[in-house]
PDB file of N, CA and C in Angstrom:
ATOM      1  N   MET A   1      47.935  71.371  93.400  1.00  0.00           N
ATOM      2  CA  MET A   1      46.990  70.519  92.964  1.00  0.00           C
ATOM      3  C   MET A   1      47.143  69.614  92.403  1.00  0.00           C
ATOM      4  N   VAL A   2      46.855  68.449  92.506  1.00  0.00           N
ATOM      5  CA  VAL A   2      47.025  67.173  91.694  1.00  0.00           C
ATOM      6  C   VAL A   2      45.860  66.615  90.983  1.00  0.00           C
ATOM      7  N   GLY A   3      46.109  66.946  89.518  1.00  0.00           N
ATOM      8  CA  GLY A   3      44.498  66.434  88.643  1.00  0.00           C
ATOM      9  C   GLY A   3      44.981  65.472  87.732  1.00  0.00           C
ATOM     10  N   ASP A   4      43.853  65.156  87.123  1.00  0.00           N
ATOM     11  CA  ASP A   4      43.996  64.132  85.838  1.00  0.00           C
ATOM     12  C   ASP A   4      43.998  64.765  84.488  1.00  0.00           C
ATOM     13  N   GLY A   5      43.538  66.429  84.677  1.00  0.00           N
ATOM     14  CA  GLY A   5      44.028  67.039  83.531  1.00  0.00           C
ATOM     15  C   GLY A   5      42.338  67.336  82.889  1.00  0.00           C
ATOM     16  N   VAL A   6      41.229  66.358  83.163  1.00  0.00           N
ATOM     17  CA  VAL A   6      40.399  66.603  82.637  1.00  0.00           C
ATOM     18  C   VAL A   6      39.215  68.259  82.583  1.00  0.00           C
ATOM     19  N   ASN A   7      39.365  68.396  84.097  1.00  0.00           N
ATOM     20  CA  ASN A   7      38.603  69.657  84.421  1.00  0.00           C
ATOM     21  C   ASN A   7      39.697  70.664  85.279  1.00  0.00           C
ATOM     22  N   ASP A   8      40.727  70.509  84.883  1.00  0.00           N
ATOM     23  CA  ASP A   8      41.722  71.387  85.785  1.00  0.00           C
ATOM     24  C   ASP A   8      42.157  72.740  85.104  1.00  0.00           C
ATOM     25  N   ALA A   9      41.564  72.859  83.676  1.00  0.00           N
ATOM     26  CA  ALA A   9      41.953  74.397  83.289  1.00  0.00           C
ATOM     27  C   ALA A   9      41.588  75.563  84.017  1.00  0.00           C
ATOM     28  N   PRO A  10      40.470  75.839  84.953  1.00  0.00           N
ATOM     29  CA  PRO A  10      40.321  76.644  85.546  1.00  0.00           C
ATOM     30  C   PRO A  10      41.208  77.141  86.732  1.00  0.00           C
ATOM     31  N   ALA A  11      41.564  75.941  87.188  1.00  0.00           N
ATOM     32  CA  ALA A  11      42.801  76.078  88.465  1.00  0.00           C
ATOM     33  C   ALA A  11      44.066  76.334  87.757  1.00  0.00           C
ATOM     34  N   LEU A  12      44.428  75.826  86.987  1.00  0.00           N
ATOM     35  CA  LEU A  12      45.702  75.957  86.453  1.00  0.00           C
ATOM     36  C   LEU A  12      45.838  76.979  85.117  1.00  0.00           C
ATOM     37  N   ALA A  13      44.601  77.997  85.186  1.00  0.00           N
ATOM     38  CA  ALA A  13      44.652  79.202  84.243  1.00  0.00           C
ATOM     39  C   ALA A  13      45.418  80.403  84.774  1.00  0.00           C
ATOM     40  N   PRO A  14      46.224  80.916  84.453  1.00  0.00           N
ATOM     41  CA  PRO A  14      47.074  81.868  84.751  1.00  0.00           C
ATOM     42  C   PRO A  14      45.964  82.914  85.650  1.00  0.00           C
ATOM     43  N   PRO A  15      46.598  83.784  86.534  1.00  0.00           N
ATOM     44  CA  PRO A  15      45.612  84.979  87.181  1.00  0.00           C
ATOM     45  C   PRO A  15      45.485  86.107  86.204  1.00  0.00           C
ATOM     46  N   ARG A  16      44.203  86.415  86.311  1.00  0.00           N
ATOM     47  CA  ARG A  16      43.998  87.712  85.338  1.00  0.00           C
ATOM     48  C   ARG A  16      44.564  88.832  85.990  1.00  0.00           C
ATOM     49  N   GLN A  17      44.843  89.767  85.304  1.00  0.00           N
ATOM     50  CA  GLN A  17      45.806  91.246  85.669  1.00  0.00           C
ATOM     51  C   GLN A  17      44.688  91.993  86.451  1.00  0.00           C
ATOM     52  N   ARG A  18      45.677  92.869  87.513  1.00  0.00           N
ATOM     53  CA  ARG A  18      44.559  93.284  88.351  1.00  0.00           C
ATOM     54  C   ARG A  18      43.984  94.480  87.581  1.00  0.00           C
ATOM     55  N   ARG A  19      42.730  94.666  88.087  1.00  0.00           N
ATOM     56  CA  ARG A  19      42.102  96.052  87.807  1.00  0.00           C
ATOM     57  C   ARG A  19      42.039  97.008  88.871  1.00  0.00           C
ATOM     58  N   PRO A  20      42.127  98.291  88.601  1.00  0.00           N
ATOM     59  CA  PRO A  20      41.693  98.894  90.051  1.00  0.00           C
ATOM     60  C   PRO A  20      40.484  99.328  90.148  1.00  0.00           C
ATOM     61  N   GLY A  21      40.137  99.326  91.247  1.00  0.00           N
ATOM     62  CA  GLY A  21      38.703  99.193  92.142  1.00  0.00           C
ATOM     63  C   GLY A  21      38.178  98.554  92.256  1.00  0.00           C
ATOM     64  N   ARG A  22      39.116  96.545  91.879  1.00  0.00           N
ATOM     65  CA  ARG A  22      38.240  95.811  92.792  1.00  0.00           C
ATOM     66  C   ARG A  22      38.639  95.883  94.139  1.00  0.00           C
ATOM     67  N   ASP A  23      37.867  94.809  94.646  1.00  0.00           N
ATOM     68  CA  ASP A  23      37.873  94.930  96.395  1.00  0.00           C
ATOM     69  C   ASP A  23      38.814  94.059  96.338  1.00  0.00           C
ATOM     70  N   LEU A  24      39.595  94.366  97.763  1.00  0.00           N
ATOM     71  CA  LEU A  24      40.785  93.525  98.370  1.00  0.00           C
ATOM     72  C   LEU A  24      40.819  92.161  98.583  1.00  0.00           C
ATOM     73  N   GLN A  25      39.479  91.858  98.998  1.00  0.00           N
ATOM     74  CA  GLN A  25      39.511  90.187  98.963  1.00  0.00           C
ATOM     75  C   GLN A  25      39.885  89.586  97.849  1.00  0.00           C
ATOM     76  N   ARG A  26      39.202  89.829  96.934  1.00  0.00           N
ATOM     77  CA  ARG A  26      39.249  89.103  95.680  1.00  0.00           C
ATOM     78  C   ARG A  26      40.994  89.158  94.991  1.00  0.00           C
ATOM     79  N   ARG A  27      41.605  90.487  95.195  1.00  0.00           N
ATOM     80  CA  ARG A  27      43.011  90.394  94.872  1.00  0.00           C
ATOM     81  C   ARG A  27      44.060  89.487  95.711  1.00  0.00           C
ATOM     82  N   ARG A  28      43.479  89.382  96.631  1.00  0.00           N
ATOM     83  CA  ARG A  28      44.394  88.643  97.863  1.00  0.00           C
ATOM     84  C   ARG A  28      44.021  87.221  97.433  1.00  0.00           C
ATOM     85  N   ARG A  29      42.778  86.792  97.316  1.00  0.00           N
ATOM     86  CA  ARG A  29      42.542  85.302  96.887  1.00  0.00           C
ATOM     87  C   ARG A  29      42.792  85.292  95.542  1.00  0.00           C
ATOM     88  N   ARG A  30      42.856  86.018  94.621  1.00  0.00           N
ATOM     89  CA  ARG A  30      43.628  85.459  93.025  1.00  0.00           C
ATOM     90  C   ARG A  30      45.000  85.582  93.432  1.00  0.00           C
ATOM     91  N   ASN A  31      46.029  86.543  94.167  1.00  0.00           N
ATOM     92  CA  ASN A  31      47.278  86.373  94.336  1.00  0.00           C
ATOM     93  C   ASN A  31      47.585  85.381  95.379  1.00  0.00           C
ATOM     94  N   GLY A  32      47.043  85.021  95.828  1.00  0.00           N
ATOM     95  CA  GLY A  32      47.392  83.838  96.652  1.00  0.00           C
ATOM     96  C   GLY A  32      47.419  82.256  96.289  1.00  0.00           C
ATOM     97  N   ARG A  33      46.911  82.098  94.697  1.00  0.00           N
ATOM     98  CA  ARG A  33      47.166  80.914  94.139  1.00  0.00           C
ATOM     99  C   ARG A  33      48.496  80.728  93.768  1.00  0.00           C
ATOM    100  N   ARG A  34      49.117  79.635  94.179  1.00  0.00           N
ATOM    101  CA  ARG A  34      50.313  79.304  93.782  1.00  0.00           C
ATOM    102  C   ARG A  34      49.948  77.805  92.820  1.00  0.00           C
ATOM    103  N   ARG A  35      50.845  77.447  92.277  1.00  0.00           N
ATOM    104  CA  ARG A  35      50.961  76.212  91.385  1.00  0.00           C
ATOM    105  C   ARG A  35      52.388  75.485  91.164  1.00  0.00           C
ATOM    106  N   LEU A  36      52.367  74.086  91.378  1.00  0.00           N
ATOM    107  CA  LEU A  36      53.508  73.418  90.646  1.00  0.00           C
ATOM    108  C   LEU A  36      53.175  72.688  89.698  1.00  0.00           C
ATOM    109  N   MET A  37      53.693  72.971  88.686  1.00  0.00           N
ATOM    110  CA  MET A  37      53.126  71.797  87.397  1.00  0.00           C
ATOM    111  C   MET A  37      54.255  71.262  87.136  1.00  0.00           C
ATOM    112  N   ALA A  38      54.113  69.930  87.043  1.00  0.00           N
ATOM    113  CA  ALA A  38      55.339  69.237  86.286  1.00  0.00           C
ATOM    114  C   ALA A  38      54.906  67.578  86.000  1.00  0.00           C
ATOM    115  N   ASP A  39      55.262  67.349  85.048  1.00  0.00           N
ATOM    116  CA  ASP A  39      55.200  65.924  84.763  1.00  0.00           C
ATOM    117  C   ASP A  39      55.304  64.841  85.368  1.00  0.00           C
ATOM    118  N   ASP A  40      56.240  65.299  86.202  1.00  0.00           N
ATOM    119  CA  ASP A  40      56.687  63.954  87.249  1.00  0.00           C
ATOM    120  C   ASP A  40      55.955  63.457  88.607  1.00  0.00           C
ATOM    121  N   LEU A  41      55.167  62.673  88.310  1.00  0.00           N
ATOM    122  CA  LEU A  41      54.279  62.456  89.643  1.00  0.00           C
ATOM    123  C   LEU A  41      55.280  61.549  90.459  1.00  0.00           C
ATOM    124  N   THR A  42      56.279  61.046  90.405  1.00  0.00           N
ATOM    125  CA  THR A  42      57.296  60.329  91.560  1.00  0.00           C
ATOM    126  C   THR A  42      57.309  61.484  92.512  1.00  0.00           C
ATOM    127  N   ALA A  43      57.198  62.754  92.501  1.00  0.00           N
ATOM    128  CA  ALA A  43      57.496  63.559  93.455  1.00  0.00           C
ATOM    129  C   ALA A  43      56.245  63.642  94.643  1.00  0.00           C
ATOM    130  N   LEU A  44      55.102  63.379  94.417  1.00  0.00           N
ATOM    131  CA  LEU A  44      53.809  63.151  94.877  1.00  0.00           C
ATOM    132  C   LEU A  44      54.116  62.451  96.490  1.00  0.00           C
ATOM    133  N   PRO A  45      55.087  61.243  96.720  1.00  0.00           N
ATOM    134  CA  PRO A  45      54.947  60.866  97.973  1.00  0.00           C
ATOM    135  C   PRO A  45      56.081  61.433  98.917  1.00  0.00           C
ATOM    136  N   TRP A  46      57.078  62.169  98.225  1.00  0.00           N
ATOM    137  CA  TRP A  46      57.712  63.232  98.770  1.00  0.00           C
ATOM    138  C   TRP A  46      57.003  64.220  99.273  1.00  0.00           C
ATOM    139  N   LEU A  47      56.328  65.004  98.341  1.00  0.00           N
ATOM    140  CA  LEU A  47      55.588  65.813  98.975  1.00  0.00           C
ATOM    141  C   LEU A  47      54.555  65.953 100.040  1.00  0.00           C
ATOM    142  N   VAL A  48      53.929  64.309 100.031  1.00  0.00           N
ATOM    143  CA  VAL A  48      52.944  64.005 101.077  1.00  0.00           C
ATOM    144  C   VAL A  48      53.580  64.031 102.327  1.00  0.00           C
ATOM    145  N   ARG A  49      54.758  63.371 102.208  1.00  0.00           N
ATOM    146  CA  ARG A  49      55.843  63.375 103.670  1.00  0.00           C
ATOM    147  C   ARG A  49      56.316  64.771 103.919  1.00  0.00           C
ATOM    148  N   HIS A  50      56.537  65.456 103.074  1.00  0.00           N
ATOM    149  CA  HIS A  50      56.927  66.907 103.485  1.00  0.00           C
ATOM    150  C   HIS A  50      55.778  67.527 104.241  1.00  0.00           C
ATOM    151  N   SER A  51      54.727  67.597 103.703  1.00  0.00           N
ATOM    152  CA  SER A  51      53.281  68.155 104.315  1.00  0.00           C
ATOM    153  C   SER A  51      53.459  67.821 105.713  1.00  0.00           C
ATOM    154  N   ARG A  52      53.284  66.409 106.029  1.00  0.00           N
ATOM    155  CA  ARG A  52      53.139  65.962 106.976  1.00  0.00           C
ATOM    156  C   ARG A  52      54.169  66.559 108.210  1.00  0.00           C
ATOM    157  N   ARG A  53      55.561  66.321 107.599  1.00  0.00           N
ATOM    158  CA  ARG A  53      56.477  66.968 108.540  1.00  0.00           C
ATOM    159  C   ARG A  53      56.313  68.167 109.045  1.00  0.00           C
ATOM    160  N   THR A  54      55.775  69.125 107.733  1.00  0.00           N
ATOM    161  CA  THR A  54      55.648  70.403 107.894  1.00  0.00           C
ATOM    162  C   THR A  54      54.291  70.517 109.312  1.00  0.00           C
ATOM    163  N   ILE A  55      53.466  70.262 109.367  1.00  0.00           N
ATOM    164  CA  ILE A  55      52.345  70.173 110.015  1.00  0.00           C
ATOM    165  C   ILE A  55      52.826  69.562 111.604  1.00  0.00           C
ATOM    166  N   ALA A  56      53.812  68.474 111.466  1.00  0.00           N
ATOM    167  CA  ALA A  56      54.253  68.328 112.715  1.00  0.00           C
ATOM    168  C   ALA A  56      55.237  69.267 113.350  1.00  0.00           C
ATOM    169  N   ARG A  57      55.875  69.922 112.375  1.00  0.00           N
ATOM    170  CA  ARG A  57      56.655  70.921 112.973  1.00  0.00           C
ATOM    171  C   ARG A  57      55.736  72.128 113.708  1.00  0.00           C
ATOM    172  N   ILE A  58      54.760  72.541 112.774  1.00  0.00           N
ATOM    173  CA  ILE A  58      54.054  73.237 113.098  1.00  0.00           C
ATOM    174  C   ILE A  58      53.312  73.345 114.758  1.00  0.00           C
ATOM    175  N   GLU A  59      53.091  71.814 114.829  1.00  0.00           N
ATOM    176  CA  GLU A  59      52.375  71.650 116.056  1.00  0.00           C
ATOM    177  C   GLU A  59      53.275  71.511 117.348  1.00  0.00           C
ATOM    178  N   GLN A  60      54.723  71.187 116.903  1.00  0.00           N
ATOM    179  CA  GLN A  60      55.910  71.102 117.839  1.00  0.00           C
ATOM    180  C   GLN A  60      56.304  72.965 118.199  1.00  0.00           C
ATOM    181  N   ASN A  61      56.258  73.542 117.180  1.00  0.00           N
ATOM    182  CA  ASN A  61      56.296  75.112 117.443  1.00  0.00           C
ATOM    183  C   ASN A  61      55.153  75.719 118.433  1.00  0.00           C
ATOM    184  N   ILE A  62      54.047  75.452 118.211  1.00  0.00           N
ATOM    185  CA  ILE A  62      52.998  76.134 119.153  1.00  0.00           C
ATOM    186  C   ILE A  62      53.320  75.738 120.242  1.00  0.00           C
ATOM    187  N   ALA A  63      53.624  74.129 120.367  1.00  0.00           N
ATOM    188  CA  ALA A  63      53.792  73.670 122.040  1.00  0.00           C
ATOM    189  C   ALA A  63      54.568  74.212 122.642  1.00  0.00           C
ATOM    190  N   LEU A  64      55.835  74.290 121.662  1.00  0.00           N
ATOM    191  CA  LEU A  64      57.174  75.020 122.319  1.00  0.00           C
ATOM    192  C   LEU A  64      56.841  76.704 122.906  1.00  0.00           C
ATOM    193  N   ALA A  65      56.060  77.318 122.075  1.00  0.00           N
ATOM    194  CA  ALA A  65      55.683  78.636 122.255  1.00  0.00           C
ATOM    195  C   ALA A  65      54.761  78.951 123.677  1.00  0.00           C
ATOM    196  N   LEU A  66      53.565  78.018 123.423  1.00  0.00           N
ATOM    197  CA  LEU A  66      52.590  78.115 124.306  1.00  0.00           C
ATOM    198  C   LEU A  66      53.476  77.521 126.047  1.00  0.00           C
ATOM    199  N   THR A  67      54.486  76.769 125.955  1.00  0.00           N
ATOM    200  CA  THR A  67      55.116  76.049 127.123  1.00  0.00           C
ATOM    201  C   THR A  67      56.139  77.406 127.733  1.00  0.00           C
ATOM    202  N   ALA A  68      56.643  78.093 126.785  1.00  0.00           N
ATOM    203  CA  ALA A  68      57.405  79.320 127.165  1.00  0.00           C
ATOM    204  C   ALA A  68      56.642  80.302 127.799  1.00  0.00           C
ATOM    205  N   LYS A  69      55.478  80.607 127.318  1.00  0.00           N
ATOM    206  CA  LYS A  69      54.773  81.534 127.421  1.00  0.00           C
ATOM    207  C   LYS A  69      54.144  81.221 128.862  1.00  0.00           C
ATOM    208  N   GLY A  70      53.735  80.024 129.328  1.00  0.00           N
ATOM    209  CA  GLY A  70      52.899  79.407 130.442  1.00  0.00           C
ATOM    210  C   GLY A  70      54.313  79.617 131.591  1.00  0.00           C
ATOM    211  N   ILE A  71      55.274  79.014 131.590  1.00  0.00           N
ATOM    212  CA  ILE A  71      56.089  79.081 132.014  1.00  0.00           C
ATOM    213  C   ILE A  71      56.755  80.601 132.940  1.00  0.00           C
ATOM    214  N   VAL A  72      56.343  81.483 131.926  1.00  0.00           N
ATOM    215  CA  VAL A  72      56.680  82.829 132.157  1.00  0.00           C
ATOM    216  C   VAL A  72      55.724  83.409 133.207  1.00  0.00           C
ATOM    217  N   LEU A  73      54.606  83.086 132.412  1.00  0.00           N
ATOM    218  CA  LEU A  73      53.017  83.126 133.302  1.00  0.00           C
ATOM    219  C   LEU A  73      52.986  83.168 134.384  1.00  0.00           C
ATOM    220  N   VAL A  74      53.585  81.679 134.991  1.00  0.00           N
ATOM    221  CA  VAL A  74      53.522  81.207 136.167  1.00  0.00           C
ATOM    222  C   VAL A  74      54.589  82.097 137.148  1.00  0.00           C
ATOM    223  N   LEU A  75      56.113  82.006 136.509  1.00  0.00           N
ATOM    224  CA  LEU A  75      56.788  82.713 137.477  1.00  0.00           C
ATOM    225  C   LEU A  75      56.457  84.250 137.511  1.00  0.00           C
ATOM    226  N   ALA A  76      55.938  84.949 136.899  1.00  0.00           N
ATOM    227  CA  ALA A  76      55.666  86.465 137.015  1.00  0.00           C
ATOM    228  C   ALA A  76      54.347  86.257 137.945  1.00  0.00           C
ATOM    229  N   ALA A  77      53.363  84.940 137.862  1.00  0.00           N
ATOM    230  CA  ALA A  77      52.217  85.023 138.923  1.00  0.00           C
ATOM    231  C   ALA A  77      52.782  84.946 140.537  1.00  0.00           C
ATOM    232  N   LEU A  78      53.928  84.310 140.243  1.00  0.00           N
ATOM    233  CA  LEU A  78      54.572  83.874 141.627  1.00  0.00           C
ATOM    234  C   LEU A  78      55.614  85.095 142.257  1.00  0.00           C
ATOM    235  N   GLY A  79      55.734  85.753 141.156  1.00  0.00           N
ATOM    236  CA  GLY A  79      56.606  87.216 141.676  1.00  0.00           C
ATOM    237  C   GLY A  79      57.925  87.080 141.267  1.00  0.00           C
ATOM    238  N   TYR A  80      58.586  85.691 140.434  1.00  0.00           N
ATOM    239  CA  TYR A  80      59.864  85.780 139.944  1.00  0.00           C
ATOM    240  C   TYR A  80      60.344  86.245 138.736  1.00  0.00           C
ATOM    241  N   ALA A  81      59.188  86.884 138.206  1.00  0.00           N
ATOM    242  CA  ALA A  81      59.635  87.077 136.672  1.00  0.00           C
ATOM    243  C   ALA A  81      59.683  88.643 136.564  1.00  0.00           C
ATOM    244  N   SER A  82      60.593  88.957 135.826  1.00  0.00           N
ATOM    245  CA  SER A  82      60.625  90.395 135.218  1.00  0.00           C
ATOM    246  C   SER A  82      60.042  90.869 133.828  1.00  0.00           C
ATOM    247  N   LEU A  83      59.981  92.207 133.464  1.00  0.00           N
ATOM    248  CA  LEU A  83      60.108  92.319 132.247  1.00  0.00           C
ATOM    249  C   LEU A  83      60.933  91.869 130.917  1.00  0.00           C
ATOM    250  N   ALA A  84      62.414  92.128 131.971  1.00  0.00           N
ATOM    251  CA  ALA A  84      63.537  91.537 130.799  1.00  0.00           C
ATOM    252  C   ALA A  84      63.456  90.101 130.779  1.00  0.00           C
ATOM    253  N   LEU A  85      62.890  89.163 131.718  1.00  0.00           N
ATOM    254  CA  LEU A  85      62.640  88.055 131.333  1.00  0.00           C
ATOM    255  C   LEU A  85      61.705  87.354 130.254  1.00  0.00           C
ATOM    256  N   ALA A  86      60.662  87.988 130.692  1.00  0.00           N
ATOM    257  CA  ALA A  86      59.554  87.743 129.677  1.00  0.00           C
ATOM    258  C   ALA A  86      60.021  88.176 128.107  1.00  0.00           C
ATOM    259  N   ILE A  87      60.542  89.340 128.009  1.00  0.00           N
ATOM    260  CA  ILE A  87      61.176  89.852 126.768  1.00  0.00           C
ATOM    261  C   ILE A  87      62.198  88.656 126.205  1.00  0.00           C
ATOM    262  N   ALA A  88      63.114  88.125 126.886  1.00  0.00           N
ATOM    263  CA  ALA A  88      64.057  87.401 126.873  1.00  0.00           C
ATOM    264  C   ALA A  88      63.445  85.792 126.253  1.00  0.00           C
ATOM    265  N   ALA A  89      62.769  85.265 127.000  1.00  0.00           N
ATOM    266  CA  ALA A  89      61.797  84.493 126.593  1.00  0.00           C
ATOM    267  C   ALA A  89      60.726  84.813 125.496  1.00  0.00           C
ATOM    268  N   ASP A  90      60.255  85.651 125.166  1.00  0.00           N
ATOM    269  CA  ASP A  90      59.762  85.798 123.884  1.00  0.00           C
ATOM    270  C   ASP A  90      60.563  85.932 122.801  1.00  0.00           C
ATOM    271  N   VAL A  91      61.648  86.439 122.751  1.00  0.00           N
ATOM    272  CA  VAL A  91      62.759  86.536 121.738  1.00  0.00           C
ATOM    273  C   VAL A  91      63.330  85.032 121.300  1.00  0.00           C
ATOM    274  N   GLY A  92      63.595  84.539 122.678  1.00  0.00           N
ATOM    275  CA  GLY A  92      64.339  83.350 122.722  1.00  0.00           C
ATOM    276  C   GLY A  92      63.362  82.060 121.739  1.00  0.00           C
ATOM    277  N   THR A  93      62.063  82.340 122.221  1.00  0.00           N
ATOM    278  CA  THR A  93      61.144  81.364 121.706  1.00  0.00           C
ATOM    279  C   THR A  93      61.031  81.683 120.131  1.00  0.00           C
ATOM    280  N   THR A  94      61.052  83.055 120.067  1.00  0.00           N
ATOM    281  CA  THR A  94      60.619  83.313 118.401  1.00  0.00           C
ATOM    282  C   THR A  94      61.953  82.620 117.681  1.00  0.00           C
ATOM    283  N   LEU A  95      63.106  82.725 118.071  1.00  0.00           N
ATOM    284  CA  LEU A  95      64.193  82.202 117.464  1.00  0.00           C
ATOM    285  C   LEU A  95      64.350  80.752 117.381  1.00  0.00           C
ATOM    286  N   LEU A  96      64.010  79.861 118.597  1.00  0.00           N
ATOM    287  CA  LEU A  96      63.546  78.466 118.609  1.00  0.00           C
ATOM    288  C   LEU A  96      62.864  78.084 117.574  1.00  0.00           C
ATOM    289  N   VAL A  97      61.753  78.739 117.236  1.00  0.00           N
ATOM    290  CA  VAL A  97      60.876  78.699 116.672  1.00  0.00           C
ATOM    291  C   VAL A  97      61.258  78.504 114.968  1.00  0.00           C
ATOM    292  N   ILE A  98      61.691  79.567 114.747  1.00  0.00           N
ATOM    293  CA  ILE A  98      62.199  79.665 113.327  1.00  0.00           C
ATOM    294  C   ILE A  98      63.433  78.789 113.087  1.00  0.00           C
ATOM    295  N   ALA A  99      64.474  78.617 113.777  1.00  0.00           N
ATOM    296  CA  ALA A  99      64.998  77.567 113.833  1.00  0.00           C
ATOM    297  C   ALA A  99      64.455  75.970 113.420  1.00  0.00           C
ATOM    298  N   ASN A 100      63.456  75.707 114.477  1.00  0.00           N
ATOM    299  CA  ASN A 100      63.009  74.636 114.403  1.00  0.00           C
ATOM    300  C   ASN A 100      62.176  74.170 112.909  1.00  0.00           C
ATOM    301  N   ALA A 101      61.547  75.390 112.226  1.00  0.00           N
ATOM    302  CA  ALA A 101      61.165  75.516 111.253  1.00  0.00           C
ATOM    303  C   ALA A 101      62.088  75.314 109.758  1.00  0.00           C
ATOM    304  N   MET A 102      62.933  75.689 110.392  1.00  0.00           N
ATOM    305  CA  MET A 102      64.176  75.892 108.998  1.00  0.00           C
ATOM    306  C   MET A 102      64.914  74.590 108.787  1.00  0.00           C
ATOM    307  N   ARG A 103      64.664  73.717 109.695  1.00  0.00           N
ATOM    308  CA  ARG A 103      65.299  72.308 109.451  1.00  0.00           C
ATOM    309  C   ARG A 103      64.079  71.850 108.388  1.00  0.00           C
ATOM    310  N   LEU A 104      62.998  72.294 107.799  1.00  0.00           N
ATOM    311  CA  LEU A 104      62.232  71.474 106.735  1.00  0.00           C
ATOM    312  C   LEU A 104      62.741  71.685 105.450  1.00  0.00           C
ATOM    313  N   LEU A 105      64.005  73.091 105.568  1.00  0.00           N
ATOM    314  CA  LEU A 105      64.706  73.405 104.246  1.00  0.00           C
ATOM    315  C   LEU A 105      65.734  72.357 103.688  1.00  0.00           C
ATOM    316  N   ARG A 106      66.482  71.515 104.972  1.00  0.00           N
ATOM    317  CA  ARG A 106      67.094  70.433 104.614  1.00  0.00           C
ATOM    318  C   ARG A 106      66.450  69.081 103.879  1.00  0.00           C
ATOM    319  N   ASP A 107      65.379  69.064 104.082  1.00  0.00           N
ATOM    320  CA  ASP A 107      64.434  67.876 103.623  1.00  0.00           C
ATOM    321  C   ASP A 107      64.149  68.156 102.045  1.00  0.00           C
ATOM    322  N   ARG A 108      65.117  67.731 101.155  1.00  0.00           N
ATOM    323  CA  ARG A 108      65.274  68.147  99.685  1.00  0.00           C
ATOM    324  C   ARG A 108      64.477  66.741  98.874  1.00  0.00           C
ATOM    325  N   GLN A 109      63.834  66.876  97.656  1.00  0.00           N
ATOM    326  CA  GLN A 109      63.249  65.790  97.288  1.00  0.00           C
ATOM    327  C   GLN A 109      64.633  64.695  96.914  1.00  0.00           C
TER     328      GLN A 109
END
């Protein structure tokens, strides 16, 4: 969250303690909040670049996974794919997606 500090108190307030009996959705919503608080606004351009790179990486990973699944599906329809090939393609795609996503860790401020 980036704000001017005028009406930011509700968003920046620490989460309340859990109370037994509350519904699960409210707990998930409350525990999902994360805040980065700092006085240094020079990090904002990096944060915008990093978020754009993250979205690009997500799109790459989705395209990679769907392409691999499509290739195996076509091979299976033609009778050339086995279960072992499908499993190997799935595991291999998973490892490539993870490796591609981990490239974001190199991008430091």
